[in-house]
Amino acid sequence: QVHLVESGGGLVQAGGSLRLSCAATGSIFSINVMAWYRQAPGKQRDLLATITSGGSTNYADSVKGRFTISRDNARNTVYLQMNSLKPEDTAVYYCNAHVCSGYRCNDYWGQGTQVTVSS
């Protein structure tokens, strides 16, 4: 069994910064792509950023230049550094990881962490 545990959300003023963390635990052989998504009330879950095991990254236009995704492969952890936060960044943030355990690979989700940006 694999679990993703997120931390780091909270309330911040516009222009501020937050750093989210997501640690994968359990029976893990390898983790390929790790990603961050967010979902605002009444909206779909949107992909924000991805990072491969080799460190290649991609970003949605809405966060490019403000958010940075990184990972520590030794700790099976992915991070999202969020700078210059705006009220429209308010959402529940979820991490996702493609995890292989033995011969089986699956996508796993974190429980979500609330980020609220006040104006």
C-alpha atoms as a PDB file:
ATOM      1  CA  GLN A   1       0.000   0.000   0.000  1.00  0.00           C
ATOM      2  CA  VAL A   2       1.181   3.501  -0.874  1.00  0.00           C
ATOM      3  CA  HIS A   3       0.141   6.756   0.776  1.00  0.00           C
ATOM      4  CA  LEU A   4       0.832  10.357  -0.154  1.00  0.00           C
ATOM      5  CA  VAL A   5       0.818  12.777   2.771  1.00  0.00           C
ATOM      6  CA  GLU A   6       0.677  16.498   2.070  1.00  0.00           C
ATOM      7  CA  SER A   7       1.577  19.416   4.296  1.00  0.00           C
ATOM      8  CA  GLY A   8       2.246  23.131   4.105  1.00  0.00           C
ATOM      9  CA  GLY A   9      -1.086  24.687   3.194  1.00  0.00           C
ATOM     10  CA  GLY A  10      -2.586  27.617   5.039  1.00  0.00           C
ATOM     11  CA  LEU A  11      -3.708  31.216   4.900  1.00  0.00           C
ATOM     12  CA  VAL A  12      -1.451  33.819   3.318  1.00  0.00           C
ATOM     13  CA  GLN A  13      -1.854  37.385   2.091  1.00  0.00           C
ATOM     14  CA  ALA A  14      -1.663  38.223  -1.600  1.00  0.00           C
ATOM     15  CA  GLY A  15       1.954  38.507  -2.692  1.00  0.00           C
ATOM     16  CA  GLY A  16       3.095  36.038  -0.086  1.00  0.00           C
ATOM     17  CA  SER A  17       4.635  32.590  -0.387  1.00  0.00           C
ATOM     18  CA  LEU A  18       3.923  29.052   0.717  1.00  0.00           C
ATOM     19  CA  ARG A  19       5.746  25.763   0.274  1.00  0.00           C
ATOM     20  CA  LEU A  20       3.802  22.541  -0.046  1.00  0.00           C
ATOM     21  CA  SER A  21       5.307  19.128   0.587  1.00  0.00           C
ATOM     22  CA  CYS A  22       4.064  15.659  -0.328  1.00  0.00           C
ATOM     23  CA  ALA A  23       5.780  12.528   0.936  1.00  0.00           C
ATOM     24  CA  ALA A  24       5.113   9.080  -0.481  1.00  0.00           C
ATOM     25  CA  THR A  25       5.313   6.178   1.943  1.00  0.00           C
ATOM     26  CA  GLY A  26       4.728   2.441   1.748  1.00  0.00           C
ATOM     27  CA  SER A  27       5.796  -0.264  -0.650  1.00  0.00           C
ATOM     28  CA  ILE A  28       7.673   1.768  -3.256  1.00  0.00           C
ATOM     29  CA  PHE A  29      10.062   0.464  -5.876  1.00  0.00           C
ATOM     30  CA  SER A  30      10.171   3.605  -8.003  1.00  0.00           C
ATOM     31  CA  ILE A  31       8.279   6.831  -8.591  1.00  0.00           C
ATOM     32  CA  ASN A  32       8.066   8.175 -12.101  1.00  0.00           C
ATOM     33  CA  VAL A  33       6.172  11.424 -12.651  1.00  0.00           C
ATOM     34  CA  MET A  34       5.066  13.454  -9.642  1.00  0.00           C
ATOM     35  CA  ALA A  35       2.644  16.328 -10.013  1.00  0.00           C
ATOM     36  CA  TRP A  36       0.621  19.006  -8.294  1.00  0.00           C
ATOM     37  CA  TYR A  37      -3.022  19.797  -9.052  1.00  0.00           C
ATOM     38  CA  ARG A  38      -5.530  22.180  -7.530  1.00  0.00           C
ATOM     39  CA  GLN A  39      -9.282  22.396  -7.347  1.00  0.00           C
ATOM     40  CA  ALA A  40     -11.225  25.524  -6.509  1.00  0.00           C
ATOM     41  CA  PRO A  41     -14.854  25.293  -5.302  1.00  0.00           C
ATOM     42  CA  GLY A  42     -17.193  24.457  -8.144  1.00  0.00           C
ATOM     43  CA  LYS A  43     -14.350  23.987 -10.620  1.00  0.00           C
ATOM     44  CA  GLN A  44     -12.512  21.043 -12.119  1.00  0.00           C
ATOM     45  CA  ARG A  45      -9.188  19.782 -10.828  1.00  0.00           C
ATOM     46  CA  ASP A  46      -6.414  21.446 -12.830  1.00  0.00           C
ATOM     47  CA  LEU A  47      -2.872  20.261 -13.434  1.00  0.00           C
ATOM     48  CA  LEU A  48      -0.308  22.822 -12.263  1.00  0.00           C
ATOM     49  CA  ALA A  49       3.118  21.238 -12.594  1.00  0.00           C
ATOM     50  CA  THR A  50       4.870  17.941 -13.245  1.00  0.00           C
ATOM     51  CA  ILE A  51       8.359  16.637 -12.575  1.00  0.00           C
ATOM     52  CA  THR A  52       9.982  13.439 -13.797  1.00  0.00           C
ATOM     53  CA  SER A  53      12.373  11.279 -11.826  1.00  0.00           C
ATOM     54  CA  GLY A  54      15.165  12.910 -13.792  1.00  0.00           C
ATOM     55  CA  GLY A  55      14.048  16.401 -12.831  1.00  0.00           C
ATOM     56  CA  SER A  56      12.380  17.600 -16.027  1.00  0.00           C
ATOM     57  CA  THR A  57       9.536  19.984 -15.254  1.00  0.00           C
ATOM     58  CA  ASN A  58       6.463  21.431 -16.927  1.00  0.00           C
ATOM     59  CA  TYR A  59       4.070  24.123 -15.730  1.00  0.00           C
ATOM     60  CA  ALA A  60       0.610  25.395 -16.502  1.00  0.00           C
ATOM     61  CA  ASP A  61       0.611  28.915 -17.889  1.00  0.00           C
ATOM     62  CA  SER A  62      -1.332  30.145 -14.862  1.00  0.00           C
ATOM     63  CA  VAL A  63       1.573  29.396 -12.491  1.00  0.00           C
ATOM     64  CA  LYS A  64       4.627  29.595 -14.743  1.00  0.00           C
ATOM     65  CA  GLY A  65       7.224  31.937 -13.279  1.00  0.00           C
ATOM     66  CA  ARG A  66       5.558  31.973  -9.839  1.00  0.00           C
ATOM     67  CA  PHE A  67       5.505  28.310  -8.770  1.00  0.00           C
ATOM     68  CA  THR A  68       8.427  25.879  -8.714  1.00  0.00           C
ATOM     69  CA  ILE A  69       8.107  22.112  -8.470  1.00  0.00           C
ATOM     70  CA  SER A  70      10.999  20.061  -7.128  1.00  0.00           C
ATOM     71  CA  ARG A  71      11.563  16.608  -5.658  1.00  0.00           C
ATOM     72  CA  ASP A  72      13.870  14.687  -3.373  1.00  0.00           C
ATOM     73  CA  ASN A  73      14.084  11.181  -4.782  1.00  0.00           C
ATOM     74  CA  ALA A  74      15.846   9.842  -1.688  1.00  0.00           C
ATOM     75  CA  ARG A  75      12.885  10.957   0.453  1.00  0.00           C
ATOM     76  CA  ASN A  76      10.179  10.168  -2.154  1.00  0.00           C
ATOM     77  CA  THR A  77       8.972  13.726  -1.656  1.00  0.00           C
ATOM     78  CA  VAL A  78       7.744  16.398  -4.043  1.00  0.00           C
ATOM     79  CA  TYR A  79       7.541  20.091  -3.242  1.00  0.00           C
ATOM     80  CA  LEU A  80       5.702  23.089  -4.635  1.00  0.00           C
ATOM     81  CA  GLN A  81       7.177  26.495  -3.871  1.00  0.00           C
ATOM     82  CA  MET A  82       4.503  29.107  -4.479  1.00  0.00           C
ATOM     83  CA  ASN A  83       5.510  32.763  -4.717  1.00  0.00           C
ATOM     84  CA  SER A  84       3.611  35.936  -5.590  1.00  0.00           C
ATOM     85  CA  LEU A  85       0.373  34.292  -4.556  1.00  0.00           C
ATOM     86  CA  LYS A  86      -2.906  35.761  -5.772  1.00  0.00           C
ATOM     87  CA  PRO A  87      -6.452  35.394  -4.416  1.00  0.00           C
ATOM     88  CA  GLU A  88      -7.296  33.295  -7.475  1.00  0.00           C
ATOM     89  CA  ASP A  89      -4.733  30.729  -6.299  1.00  0.00           C
ATOM     90  CA  THR A  90      -7.119  29.835  -3.477  1.00  0.00           C
ATOM     91  CA  ALA A  91      -7.962  26.136  -3.798  1.00  0.00           C
ATOM     92  CA  VAL A  92      -7.357  22.682  -2.409  1.00  0.00           C
ATOM     93  CA  TYR A  93      -3.989  21.480  -3.652  1.00  0.00           C
ATOM     94  CA  TYR A  94      -3.370  17.795  -4.382  1.00  0.00           C
ATOM     95  CA  CYS A  95      -0.218  15.889  -5.153  1.00  0.00           C
ATOM     96  CA  ASN A  96      -0.171  12.931  -7.501  1.00  0.00           C
ATOM     97  CA  ALA A  97       2.482  10.301  -8.089  1.00  0.00           C
ATOM     98  CA  HIS A  98       2.910   7.402 -10.483  1.00  0.00           C
ATOM     99  CA  VAL A  99       4.326   4.731  -8.194  1.00  0.00           C
ATOM    100  CA  CYS A 100       5.636   1.303  -9.067  1.00  0.00           C
ATOM    101  CA  SER A 101       5.688  -1.444  -6.430  1.00  0.00           C
ATOM    102  CA  GLY A 102       7.206  -4.579  -7.799  1.00  0.00           C
ATOM    103  CA  TYR A 103       5.501  -5.283 -11.137  1.00  0.00           C
ATOM    104  CA  ARG A 104       2.482  -3.051 -10.481  1.00  0.00           C
ATOM    105  CA  CYS A 105       2.263   0.668 -11.134  1.00  0.00           C
ATOM    106  CA  ASN A 106      -0.575   2.956 -10.091  1.00  0.00           C
ATOM    107  CA  ASP A 107      -1.413   6.613  -9.702  1.00  0.00           C
ATOM    108  CA  TYR A 108      -1.894   7.803  -6.134  1.00  0.00           C
ATOM    109  CA  TRP A 109      -3.342  11.015  -4.719  1.00  0.00           C
ATOM    110  CA  GLY A 110      -2.688  12.962  -1.563  1.00  0.00           C
ATOM    111  CA  GLN A 111      -5.534  13.961   0.728  1.00  0.00           C
ATOM    112  CA  GLY A 112      -5.389  17.588  -0.334  1.00  0.00           C
ATOM    113  CA  THR A 113      -4.285  20.691   1.526  1.00  0.00           C
ATOM    114  CA  GLN A 114      -6.162  24.003   1.592  1.00  0.00           C
ATOM    115  CA  VAL A 115      -4.435  27.141   0.380  1.00  0.00           C
ATOM    116  CA  THR A 116      -6.258  30.417   0.967  1.00  0.00           C
ATOM    117  CA  VAL A 117      -4.907  33.706  -0.344  1.00  0.00           C
ATOM    118  CA  SER A 118      -6.488  36.839   1.063  1.00  0.00           C
ATOM    119  CA  SER A 119      -6.602  40.135  -0.826  1.00  0.00           C
END
